[in-house]
Amino acid sequence: QYVENGTMKIQHCPTLDMIADILTKP
């Protein structure tokens, strides 16, 4: 619903640049 109304858009991020990766594995 947020993607459709333009409030947010999803963008592919390469795994090596995924900052949140540091929060999910050691």
mmCIF file of all heavy atoms, coordinates in Angstrom:
data_MODEL
# 
_entry.id   MODEL 
# 
loop_
_atom_site.group_PDB 
_atom_site.id 
_atom_site.type_symbol 
_atom_site.label_atom_id 
_atom_site.label_alt_id 
_atom_site.label_comp_id 
_atom_site.label_asym_id 
_atom_site.label_entity_id 
_atom_site.label_seq_id 
_atom_site.pdbx_PDB_ins_code 
_atom_site.Cartn_x 
_atom_site.Cartn_y 
_atom_site.Cartn_z 
_atom_site.occupancy 
_atom_site.B_iso_or_equiv 
_atom_site.pdbx_formal_charge 
_atom_site.auth_seq_id 
_atom_site.auth_comp_id 
_atom_site.auth_asym_id 
_atom_site.auth_atom_id 
_atom_site.pdbx_PDB_model_num 
ATOM 1   N N   . GLN A 1 1  ? 0.821  -1.208  0.000  1.00 0.00 ? 1  GLN A N   1 
ATOM 2   C CA  . GLN A 1 1  ? 0.000  0.000   0.000  1.00 0.00 ? 1  GLN A CA  1 
ATOM 3   C C   . GLN A 1 1  ? 0.860  1.265   0.000  1.00 0.00 ? 1  GLN A C   1 
ATOM 4   O O   . GLN A 1 1  ? 0.503  2.263   -0.648 1.00 0.00 ? 1  GLN A O   1 
ATOM 5   C CB  . GLN A 1 1  ? -0.931 0.010   1.219  1.00 0.00 ? 1  GLN A CB  1 
ATOM 6   C CG  . GLN A 1 1  ? -0.219 0.099   2.562  1.00 0.00 ? 1  GLN A CG  1 
ATOM 7   C CD  . GLN A 1 1  ? -1.171 0.052   3.737  1.00 0.00 ? 1  GLN A CD  1 
ATOM 8   O OE1 . GLN A 1 1  ? -2.342 0.393   3.599  1.00 0.00 ? 1  GLN A OE1 1 
ATOM 9   N NE2 . GLN A 1 1  ? -0.674 -0.375  4.884  1.00 0.00 ? 1  GLN A NE2 1 
ATOM 10  N N   . TYR A 1 2  ? 1.998  1.227   0.675  1.00 0.00 ? 2  TYR A N   1 
ATOM 11  C CA  . TYR A 1 2  ? 2.886  2.391   0.703  1.00 0.00 ? 2  TYR A CA  1 
ATOM 12  C C   . TYR A 1 2  ? 3.648  2.536   -0.611 1.00 0.00 ? 2  TYR A C   1 
ATOM 13  O O   . TYR A 1 2  ? 3.959  3.653   -1.036 1.00 0.00 ? 2  TYR A O   1 
ATOM 14  C CB  . TYR A 1 2  ? 3.870  2.278   1.871  1.00 0.00 ? 2  TYR A CB  1 
ATOM 15  C CG  . TYR A 1 2  ? 3.217  2.493   3.215  1.00 0.00 ? 2  TYR A CG  1 
ATOM 16  C CD1 . TYR A 1 2  ? 2.913  1.407   4.038  1.00 0.00 ? 2  TYR A CD1 1 
ATOM 17  C CD2 . TYR A 1 2  ? 2.907  3.767   3.669  1.00 0.00 ? 2  TYR A CD2 1 
ATOM 18  C CE1 . TYR A 1 2  ? 2.309  1.595   5.271  1.00 0.00 ? 2  TYR A CE1 1 
ATOM 19  C CE2 . TYR A 1 2  ? 2.305  3.963   4.906  1.00 0.00 ? 2  TYR A CE2 1 
ATOM 20  C CZ  . TYR A 1 2  ? 2.004  2.871   5.700  1.00 0.00 ? 2  TYR A CZ  1 
ATOM 21  O OH  . TYR A 1 2  ? 1.401  3.060   6.924  1.00 0.00 ? 2  TYR A OH  1 
ATOM 22  N N   . VAL A 1 3  ? 3.962  1.409   -1.238 1.00 0.00 ? 3  VAL A N   1 
ATOM 23  C CA  . VAL A 1 3  ? 4.642  1.462   -2.528 1.00 0.00 ? 3  VAL A CA  1 
ATOM 24  C C   . VAL A 1 3  ? 3.697  2.009   -3.599 1.00 0.00 ? 3  VAL A C   1 
ATOM 25  O O   . VAL A 1 3  ? 4.072  2.837   -4.428 1.00 0.00 ? 3  VAL A O   1 
ATOM 26  C CB  . VAL A 1 3  ? 5.158  0.055   -2.924 1.00 0.00 ? 3  VAL A CB  1 
ATOM 27  C CG1 . VAL A 1 3  ? 5.775  0.090   -4.313 1.00 0.00 ? 3  VAL A CG1 1 
ATOM 28  C CG2 . VAL A 1 3  ? 6.189  -0.438  -1.899 1.00 0.00 ? 3  VAL A CG2 1 
ATOM 29  N N   . GLU A 1 4  ? 2.440  1.565   -3.559 1.00 0.00 ? 4  GLU A N   1 
ATOM 30  C CA  . GLU A 1 4  ? 1.469  1.994   -4.561 1.00 0.00 ? 4  GLU A CA  1 
ATOM 31  C C   . GLU A 1 4  ? 1.141  3.486   -4.471 1.00 0.00 ? 4  GLU A C   1 
ATOM 32  O O   . GLU A 1 4  ? 0.969  4.153   -5.486 1.00 0.00 ? 4  GLU A O   1 
ATOM 33  C CB  . GLU A 1 4  ? 0.184  1.178   -4.428 1.00 0.00 ? 4  GLU A CB  1 
ATOM 34  C CG  . GLU A 1 4  ? 0.278  -0.218  -5.026 1.00 0.00 ? 4  GLU A CG  1 
ATOM 35  C CD  . GLU A 1 4  ? -1.082 -0.881  -5.084 1.00 0.00 ? 4  GLU A CD  1 
ATOM 36  O OE1 . GLU A 1 4  ? -1.951 -0.526  -4.269 1.00 0.00 ? 4  GLU A OE1 1 
ATOM 37  O OE2 . GLU A 1 4  ? -1.270 -1.742  -5.957 1.00 0.00 ? 4  GLU A OE2 1 
ATOM 38  N N   . ASN A 1 5  ? 1.026  4.010   -3.248 1.00 0.00 ? 5  ASN A N   1 
ATOM 39  C CA  . ASN A 1 5  ? 0.648  5.430   -3.128 1.00 0.00 ? 5  ASN A CA  1 
ATOM 40  C C   . ASN A 1 5  ? 1.842  6.376   -3.229 1.00 0.00 ? 5  ASN A C   1 
ATOM 41  O O   . ASN A 1 5  ? 1.688  7.591   -3.110 1.00 0.00 ? 5  ASN A O   1 
ATOM 42  C CB  . ASN A 1 5  ? -0.142 5.689   -1.838 1.00 0.00 ? 5  ASN A CB  1 
ATOM 43  C CG  . ASN A 1 5  ? 0.682  5.456   -0.573 1.00 0.00 ? 5  ASN A CG  1 
ATOM 44  O OD1 . ASN A 1 5  ? 1.909  5.542   -0.577 1.00 0.00 ? 5  ASN A OD1 1 
ATOM 45  N ND2 . ASN A 1 5  ? 0.003  5.165   0.526  1.00 0.00 ? 5  ASN A ND2 1 
ATOM 46  N N   . GLY A 1 6  ? 3.035  5.816   -3.444 1.00 0.00 ? 6  GLY A N   1 
ATOM 47  C CA  . GLY A 1 6  ? 4.208  6.649   -3.676 1.00 0.00 ? 6  GLY A CA  1 
ATOM 48  C C   . GLY A 1 6  ? 4.909  7.142   -2.431 1.00 0.00 ? 6  GLY A C   1 
ATOM 49  O O   . GLY A 1 6  ? 5.905  7.863   -2.521 1.00 0.00 ? 6  GLY A O   1 
ATOM 50  N N   . THR A 1 7  ? 4.413  6.758   -1.245 1.00 0.00 ? 7  THR A N   1 
ATOM 51  C CA  . THR A 1 7  ? 5.058  7.192   -0.002 1.00 0.00 ? 7  THR A CA  1 
ATOM 52  C C   . THR A 1 7  ? 6.449  6.582   0.137  1.00 0.00 ? 7  THR A C   1 
ATOM 53  O O   . THR A 1 7  ? 7.364  7.207   0.664  1.00 0.00 ? 7  THR A O   1 
ATOM 54  C CB  . THR A 1 7  ? 4.201  6.794   1.209  1.00 0.00 ? 7  THR A CB  1 
ATOM 55  O OG1 . THR A 1 7  ? 2.897  7.370   1.066  1.00 0.00 ? 7  THR A OG1 1 
ATOM 56  C CG2 . THR A 1 7  ? 4.822  7.282   2.510  1.00 0.00 ? 7  THR A CG2 1 
ATOM 57  N N   . MET A 1 8  ? 6.589  5.369   -0.353 1.00 0.00 ? 8  MET A N   1 
ATOM 58  C CA  . MET A 1 8  ? 7.867  4.671   -0.275 1.00 0.00 ? 8  MET A CA  1 
ATOM 59  C C   . MET A 1 8  ? 8.140  3.965   -1.600 1.00 0.00 ? 8  MET A C   1 
ATOM 60  O O   . MET A 1 8  ? 7.208  3.607   -2.323 1.00 0.00 ? 8  MET A O   1 
ATOM 61  C CB  . MET A 1 8  ? 7.870  3.634   0.854  1.00 0.00 ? 8  MET A CB  1 
ATOM 62  C CG  . MET A 1 8  ? 7.513  4.174   2.216  1.00 0.00 ? 8  MET A CG  1 
ATOM 63  S SD  . MET A 1 8  ? 7.487  2.879   3.476  1.00 0.00 ? 8  MET A SD  1 
ATOM 64  C CE  . MET A 1 8  ? 6.616  3.742   4.800  1.00 0.00 ? 8  MET A CE  1 
ATOM 65  N N   . LYS A 1 9  ? 9.399  3.765   -1.886 1.00 0.00 ? 9  LYS A N   1 
ATOM 66  C CA  . LYS A 1 9  ? 9.763  2.944   -3.031 1.00 0.00 ? 9  LYS A CA  1 
ATOM 67  C C   . LYS A 1 9  ? 10.831 1.941   -2.605 1.00 0.00 ? 9  LYS A C   1 
ATOM 68  O O   . LYS A 1 9  ? 11.629 2.217   -1.702 1.00 0.00 ? 9  LYS A O   1 
ATOM 69  C CB  . LYS A 1 9  ? 10.259 3.797   -4.195 1.00 0.00 ? 9  LYS A CB  1 
ATOM 70  C CG  . LYS A 1 9  ? 11.591 4.494   -3.980 1.00 0.00 ? 9  LYS A CG  1 
ATOM 71  C CD  . LYS A 1 9  ? 12.007 5.224   -5.255 1.00 0.00 ? 9  LYS A CD  1 
ATOM 72  C CE  . LYS A 1 9  ? 13.377 5.884   -5.065 1.00 0.00 ? 9  LYS A CE  1 
ATOM 73  N NZ  . LYS A 1 9  ? 13.832 6.553   -6.303 1.00 0.00 ? 9  LYS A NZ  1 
ATOM 74  N N   . ILE A 1 10 ? 10.791 0.778   -3.230 1.00 0.00 ? 10 ILE A N   1 
ATOM 75  C CA  . ILE A 1 10 ? 11.757 -0.264  -2.899 1.00 0.00 ? 10 ILE A CA  1 
ATOM 76  C C   . ILE A 1 10 ? 12.872 -0.256  -3.919 1.00 0.00 ? 10 ILE A C   1 
ATOM 77  O O   . ILE A 1 10 ? 12.633 -0.164  -5.120 1.00 0.00 ? 10 ILE A O   1 
ATOM 78  C CB  . ILE A 1 10 ? 11.083 -1.649  -2.874 1.00 0.00 ? 10 ILE A CB  1 
ATOM 79  C CG1 . ILE A 1 10 ? 9.925  -1.660  -1.894 1.00 0.00 ? 10 ILE A CG1 1 
ATOM 80  C CG2 . ILE A 1 10 ? 12.088 -2.722  -2.481 1.00 0.00 ? 10 ILE A CG2 1 
ATOM 81  C CD1 . ILE A 1 10 ? 9.214  -3.000  -1.809 1.00 0.00 ? 10 ILE A CD1 1 
ATOM 82  N N   . GLN A 1 11 ? 14.076 -0.337  -3.426 1.00 0.00 ? 11 GLN A N   1 
ATOM 83  C CA  . GLN A 1 11 ? 15.247 -0.307  -4.289 1.00 0.00 ? 11 GLN A CA  1 
ATOM 84  C C   . GLN A 1 11 ? 16.149 -1.482  -3.947 1.00 0.00 ? 11 GLN A C   1 
ATOM 85  O O   . GLN A 1 11 ? 16.391 -1.768  -2.769 1.00 0.00 ? 11 GLN A O   1 
ATOM 86  C CB  . GLN A 1 11 ? 15.983 1.025   -4.073 1.00 0.00 ? 11 GLN A CB  1 
ATOM 87  C CG  . GLN A 1 11 ? 17.217 1.222   -4.907 1.00 0.00 ? 11 GLN A CG  1 
ATOM 88  C CD  . GLN A 1 11 ? 17.762 2.628   -4.733 1.00 0.00 ? 11 GLN A CD  1 
ATOM 89  O OE1 . GLN A 1 11 ? 17.111 3.619   -5.070 1.00 0.00 ? 11 GLN A OE1 1 
ATOM 90  N NE2 . GLN A 1 11 ? 18.955 2.738   -4.172 1.00 0.00 ? 11 GLN A NE2 1 
ATOM 91  N N   . HIS A 1 12 ? 16.636 -2.183  -4.963 1.00 0.00 ? 12 HIS A N   1 
ATOM 92  C CA  . HIS A 1 12 ? 17.528 -3.309  -4.704 1.00 0.00 ? 12 HIS A CA  1 
ATOM 93  C C   . HIS A 1 12 ? 18.886 -2.791  -4.230 1.00 0.00 ? 12 HIS A C   1 
ATOM 94  O O   . HIS A 1 12 ? 19.450 -1.853  -4.783 1.00 0.00 ? 12 HIS A O   1 
ATOM 95  C CB  . HIS A 1 12 ? 17.728 -4.166  -5.951 1.00 0.00 ? 12 HIS A CB  1 
ATOM 96  C CG  . HIS A 1 12 ? 18.620 -5.340  -5.707 1.00 0.00 ? 12 HIS A CG  1 
ATOM 97  N ND1 . HIS A 1 12 ? 19.954 -5.354  -6.038 1.00 0.00 ? 12 HIS A ND1 1 
ATOM 98  C CD2 . HIS A 1 12 ? 18.360 -6.548  -5.130 1.00 0.00 ? 12 HIS A CD2 1 
ATOM 99  C CE1 . HIS A 1 12 ? 20.483 -6.509  -5.684 1.00 0.00 ? 12 HIS A CE1 1 
ATOM 100 N NE2 . HIS A 1 12 ? 19.537 -7.257  -5.133 1.00 0.00 ? 12 HIS A NE2 1 
ATOM 101 N N   . CYS A 1 13 ? 19.372 -3.410  -3.169 1.00 0.00 ? 13 CYS A N   1 
ATOM 102 C CA  . CYS A 1 13 ? 20.671 -3.037  -2.606 1.00 0.00 ? 13 CYS A CA  1 
ATOM 103 C C   . CYS A 1 13 ? 21.586 -4.256  -2.668 1.00 0.00 ? 13 CYS A C   1 
ATOM 104 O O   . CYS A 1 13 ? 21.218 -5.337  -2.174 1.00 0.00 ? 13 CYS A O   1 
ATOM 105 C CB  . CYS A 1 13 ? 20.499 -2.590  -1.156 1.00 0.00 ? 13 CYS A CB  1 
ATOM 106 S SG  . CYS A 1 13 ? 22.037 -2.229  -0.287 1.00 0.00 ? 13 CYS A SG  1 
ATOM 107 N N   . PRO A 1 14 ? 22.761 -4.145  -3.273 1.00 0.00 ? 14 PRO A N   1 
ATOM 108 C CA  . PRO A 1 14 ? 23.690 -5.279  -3.291 1.00 0.00 ? 14 PRO A CA  1 
ATOM 109 C C   . PRO A 1 14 ? 23.984 -5.757  -1.873 1.00 0.00 ? 14 PRO A C   1 
ATOM 110 O O   . PRO A 1 14 ? 24.097 -4.948  -0.947 1.00 0.00 ? 14 PRO A O   1 
ATOM 111 C CB  . PRO A 1 14 ? 24.942 -4.689  -3.950 1.00 0.00 ? 14 PRO A CB  1 
ATOM 112 C CG  . PRO A 1 14 ? 24.442 -3.536  -4.753 1.00 0.00 ? 14 PRO A CG  1 
ATOM 113 C CD  . PRO A 1 14 ? 23.294 -2.961  -3.986 1.00 0.00 ? 14 PRO A CD  1 
ATOM 114 N N   . THR A 1 15 ? 24.095 -7.050  -1.700 1.00 0.00 ? 15 THR A N   1 
ATOM 115 C CA  . THR A 1 15 ? 24.288 -7.630  -0.372 1.00 0.00 ? 15 THR A CA  1 
ATOM 116 C C   . THR A 1 15 ? 25.491 -7.035  0.349  1.00 0.00 ? 15 THR A C   1 
ATOM 117 O O   . THR A 1 15 ? 25.446 -6.782  1.564  1.00 0.00 ? 15 THR A O   1 
ATOM 118 C CB  . THR A 1 15 ? 24.449 -9.159  -0.480 1.00 0.00 ? 15 THR A CB  1 
ATOM 119 O OG1 . THR A 1 15 ? 23.270 -9.699  -1.080 1.00 0.00 ? 15 THR A OG1 1 
ATOM 120 C CG2 . THR A 1 15 ? 24.652 -9.781  0.887  1.00 0.00 ? 15 THR A CG2 1 
ATOM 121 N N   . LEU A 1 16 ? 26.568 -6.771  -0.373 1.00 0.00 ? 16 LEU A N   1 
ATOM 122 C CA  . LEU A 1 16 ? 27.774 -6.226  0.260  1.00 0.00 ? 16 LEU A CA  1 
ATOM 123 C C   . LEU A 1 16 ? 27.582 -4.792  0.731  1.00 0.00 ? 16 LEU A C   1 
ATOM 124 O O   . LEU A 1 16 ? 28.390 -4.282  1.521  1.00 0.00 ? 16 LEU A O   1 
ATOM 125 C CB  . LEU A 1 16 ? 28.962 -6.303  -0.713 1.00 0.00 ? 16 LEU A CB  1 
ATOM 126 C CG  . LEU A 1 16 ? 29.451 -7.720  -1.053 1.00 0.00 ? 16 LEU A CG  1 
ATOM 127 C CD1 . LEU A 1 16 ? 30.596 -7.653  -2.061 1.00 0.00 ? 16 LEU A CD1 1 
ATOM 128 C CD2 . LEU A 1 16 ? 29.891 -8.466  0.207  1.00 0.00 ? 16 LEU A CD2 1 
ATOM 129 N N   . ASP A 1 17 ? 26.533 -4.111  0.258  1.00 0.00 ? 17 ASP A N   1 
ATOM 130 C CA  . ASP A 1 17 ? 26.254 -2.740  0.683  1.00 0.00 ? 17 ASP A CA  1 
ATOM 131 C C   . ASP A 1 17 ? 25.066 -2.670  1.642  1.00 0.00 ? 17 ASP A C   1 
ATOM 132 O O   . ASP A 1 17 ? 24.640 -1.568  2.006  1.00 0.00 ? 17 ASP A O   1 
ATOM 133 C CB  . ASP A 1 17 ? 25.955 -1.858  -0.534 1.00 0.00 ? 17 ASP A CB  1 
ATOM 134 C CG  . ASP A 1 17 ? 27.163 -1.720  -1.457 1.00 0.00 ? 17 ASP A CG  1 
ATOM 135 O OD1 . ASP A 1 17 ? 28.294 -1.733  -0.934 1.00 0.00 ? 17 ASP A OD1 1 
ATOM 136 O OD2 . ASP A 1 17 ? 26.974 -1.611  -2.685 1.00 0.00 ? 17 ASP A OD2 1 
ATOM 137 N N   . MET A 1 18 ? 24.531 -3.819  2.038  1.00 0.00 ? 18 MET A N   1 
ATOM 138 C CA  . MET A 1 18 ? 23.377 -3.838  2.927  1.00 0.00 ? 18 MET A CA  1 
ATOM 139 C C   . MET A 1 18 ? 23.826 -3.559  4.360  1.00 0.00 ? 18 MET A C   1 
ATOM 140 O O   . MET A 1 18 ? 24.331 -4.431  5.067  1.00 0.00 ? 18 MET A O   1 
ATOM 141 C CB  . MET A 1 18 ? 22.674 -5.204  2.835  1.00 0.00 ? 18 MET A CB  1 
ATOM 142 C CG  . MET A 1 18 ? 21.550 -5.415  3.854  1.00 0.00 ? 18 MET A CG  1 
ATOM 143 S SD  . MET A 1 18 ? 20.341 -4.094  3.957  1.00 0.00 ? 18 MET A SD  1 
ATOM 144 C CE  . MET A 1 18 ? 19.511 -4.251  2.394  1.00 0.00 ? 18 MET A CE  1 
ATOM 145 N N   . ILE A 1 19 ? 23.641 -2.311  4.804  1.00 0.00 ? 19 ILE A N   1 
ATOM 146 C CA  . ILE A 1 19 ? 24.126 -1.886  6.122  1.00 0.00 ? 19 ILE A CA  1 
ATOM 147 C C   . ILE A 1 19 ? 23.487 -2.714  7.236  1.00 0.00 ? 19 ILE A C   1 
ATOM 148 O O   . ILE A 1 19 ? 24.145 -3.057  8.225  1.00 0.00 ? 19 ILE A O   1 
ATOM 149 C CB  . ILE A 1 19 ? 23.846 -0.381  6.328  1.00 0.00 ? 19 ILE A CB  1 
ATOM 150 C CG1 . ILE A 1 19 ? 24.553 0.437   5.237  1.00 0.00 ? 19 ILE A CG1 1 
ATOM 151 C CG2 . ILE A 1 19 ? 24.308 0.072   7.707  1.00 0.00 ? 19 ILE A CG2 1 
ATOM 152 C CD1 . ILE A 1 19 ? 24.218 1.918   5.260  1.00 0.00 ? 19 ILE A CD1 1 
ATOM 153 N N   . ALA A 1 20 ? 22.201 -3.071  7.078  1.00 0.00 ? 20 ALA A N   1 
ATOM 154 C CA  . ALA A 1 20 ? 21.511 -3.818  8.127  1.00 0.00 ? 20 ALA A CA  1 
ATOM 155 C C   . ALA A 1 20 ? 22.057 -5.230  8.297  1.00 0.00 ? 20 ALA A C   1 
ATOM 156 O O   . ALA A 1 20 ? 21.726 -5.912  9.272  1.00 0.00 ? 20 ALA A O   1 
ATOM 157 C CB  . ALA A 1 20 ? 20.009 -3.865  7.827  1.00 0.00 ? 20 ALA A CB  1 
ATOM 158 N N   . ASP A 1 21 ? 22.906 -5.680  7.374  1.00 0.00 ? 21 ASP A N   1 
ATOM 159 C CA  . ASP A 1 21 ? 23.496 -7.017  7.480  1.00 0.00 ? 21 ASP A CA  1 
ATOM 160 C C   . ASP A 1 21 ? 24.315 -7.154  8.765  1.00 0.00 ? 21 ASP A C   1 
ATOM 161 O O   . ASP A 1 21 ? 24.391 -8.235  9.361  1.00 0.00 ? 21 ASP A O   1 
ATOM 162 C CB  . ASP A 1 21 ? 24.386 -7.275  6.254  1.00 0.00 ? 21 ASP A CB  1 
ATOM 163 C CG  . ASP A 1 21 ? 24.666 -8.753  6.045  1.00 0.00 ? 21 ASP A CG  1 
ATOM 164 O OD1 . ASP A 1 21 ? 23.789 -9.573  6.381  1.00 0.00 ? 21 ASP A OD1 1 
ATOM 165 O OD2 . ASP A 1 21 ? 25.750 -9.092  5.551  1.00 0.00 ? 21 ASP A OD2 1 
ATOM 166 N N   . ILE A 1 22 ? 24.895 -6.052  9.213  1.00 0.00 ? 22 ILE A N   1 
ATOM 167 C CA  . ILE A 1 22 ? 25.716 -6.073  10.422 1.00 0.00 ? 22 ILE A CA  1 
ATOM 168 C C   . ILE A 1 22 ? 24.863 -6.294  11.672 1.00 0.00 ? 22 ILE A C   1 
ATOM 169 O O   . ILE A 1 22 ? 25.376 -6.626  12.736 1.00 0.00 ? 22 ILE A O   1 
ATOM 170 C CB  . ILE A 1 22 ? 26.522 -4.751  10.531 1.00 0.00 ? 22 ILE A CB  1 
ATOM 171 C CG1 . ILE A 1 22 ? 27.698 -4.913  11.487 1.00 0.00 ? 22 ILE A CG1 1 
ATOM 172 C CG2 . ILE A 1 22 ? 25.638 -3.599  10.965 1.00 0.00 ? 22 ILE A CG2 1 
ATOM 173 C CD1 . ILE A 1 22 ? 28.616 -3.701  11.520 1.00 0.00 ? 22 ILE A CD1 1 
ATOM 174 N N   . LEU A 1 23 ? 23.534 -6.133  11.528 1.00 0.00 ? 23 LEU A N   1 
ATOM 175 C CA  . LEU A 1 23 ? 22.611 -6.305  12.651 1.00 0.00 ? 23 LEU A CA  1 
ATOM 176 C C   . LEU A 1 23 ? 21.992 -7.691  12.693 1.00 0.00 ? 23 LEU A C   1 
ATOM 177 O O   . LEU A 1 23 ? 21.203 -7.988  13.599 1.00 0.00 ? 23 LEU A O   1 
ATOM 178 C CB  . LEU A 1 23 ? 21.491 -5.261  12.556 1.00 0.00 ? 23 LEU A CB  1 
ATOM 179 C CG  . LEU A 1 23 ? 21.930 -3.802  12.514 1.00 0.00 ? 23 LEU A CG  1 
ATOM 180 C CD1 . LEU A 1 23 ? 20.750 -2.902  12.158 1.00 0.00 ? 23 LEU A CD1 1 
ATOM 181 C CD2 . LEU A 1 23 ? 22.549 -3.380  13.842 1.00 0.00 ? 23 LEU A CD2 1 
ATOM 182 N N   . THR A 1 24 ? 22.331 -8.541  11.725 1.00 0.00 ? 24 THR A N   1 
ATOM 183 C CA  . THR A 1 24 ? 21.686 -9.857  11.649 1.00 0.00 ? 24 THR A CA  1 
ATOM 184 C C   . THR A 1 24 ? 22.646 -11.024 11.769 1.00 0.00 ? 24 THR A C   1 
ATOM 185 O O   . THR A 1 24 ? 22.207 -12.149 11.994 1.00 0.00 ? 24 THR A O   1 
ATOM 186 C CB  . THR A 1 24 ? 20.915 -10.004 10.323 1.00 0.00 ? 24 THR A CB  1 
ATOM 187 O OG1 . THR A 1 24 ? 21.847 -10.021 9.225  1.00 0.00 ? 24 THR A OG1 1 
ATOM 188 C CG2 . THR A 1 24 ? 19.934 -8.861  10.128 1.00 0.00 ? 24 THR A CG2 1 
ATOM 189 N N   . LYS A 1 25 ? 23.935 -10.770 11.590 1.00 0.00 ? 25 LYS A N   1 
ATOM 190 C CA  . LYS A 1 25 ? 24.902 -11.866 11.693 1.00 0.00 ? 25 LYS A CA  1 
ATOM 191 C C   . LYS A 1 25 ? 26.253 -11.315 12.159 1.00 0.00 ? 25 LYS A C   1 
ATOM 192 O O   . LYS A 1 25 ? 26.579 -10.147 11.896 1.00 0.00 ? 25 LYS A O   1 
ATOM 193 C CB  . LYS A 1 25 ? 25.048 -12.595 10.354 1.00 0.00 ? 25 LYS A CB  1 
ATOM 194 C CG  . LYS A 1 25 ? 25.448 -11.696 9.197  1.00 0.00 ? 25 LYS A CG  1 
ATOM 195 C CD  . LYS A 1 25 ? 25.577 -12.487 7.887  1.00 0.00 ? 25 LYS A CD  1 
ATOM 196 C CE  . LYS A 1 25 ? 24.251 -12.962 7.369  1.00 0.00 ? 25 LYS A CE  1 
ATOM 197 N NZ  . LYS A 1 25 ? 23.412 -11.848 6.816  1.00 0.00 ? 25 LYS A NZ  1 
ATOM 198 N N   . PRO A 1 26 ? 27.049 -12.119 12.866 1.00 0.00 ? 26 PRO A N   1 
ATOM 199 C CA  . PRO A 1 26 ? 28.342 -11.666 13.392 1.00 0.00 ? 26 PRO A CA  1 
ATOM 200 C C   . PRO A 1 26 ? 29.419 -11.619 12.304 1.00 0.00 ? 26 PRO A C   1 
ATOM 201 O O   . PRO A 1 26 ? 30.199 -12.556 12.129 1.00 0.00 ? 26 PRO A O   1 
ATOM 202 C CB  . PRO A 1 26 ? 28.665 -12.695 14.470 1.00 0.00 ? 26 PRO A CB  1 
ATOM 203 C CG  . PRO A 1 26 ? 27.967 -13.941 14.014 1.00 0.00 ? 26 PRO A CG  1 
ATOM 204 C CD  . PRO A 1 26 ? 26.722 -13.483 13.322 1.00 0.00 ? 26 PRO A CD  1 
# 
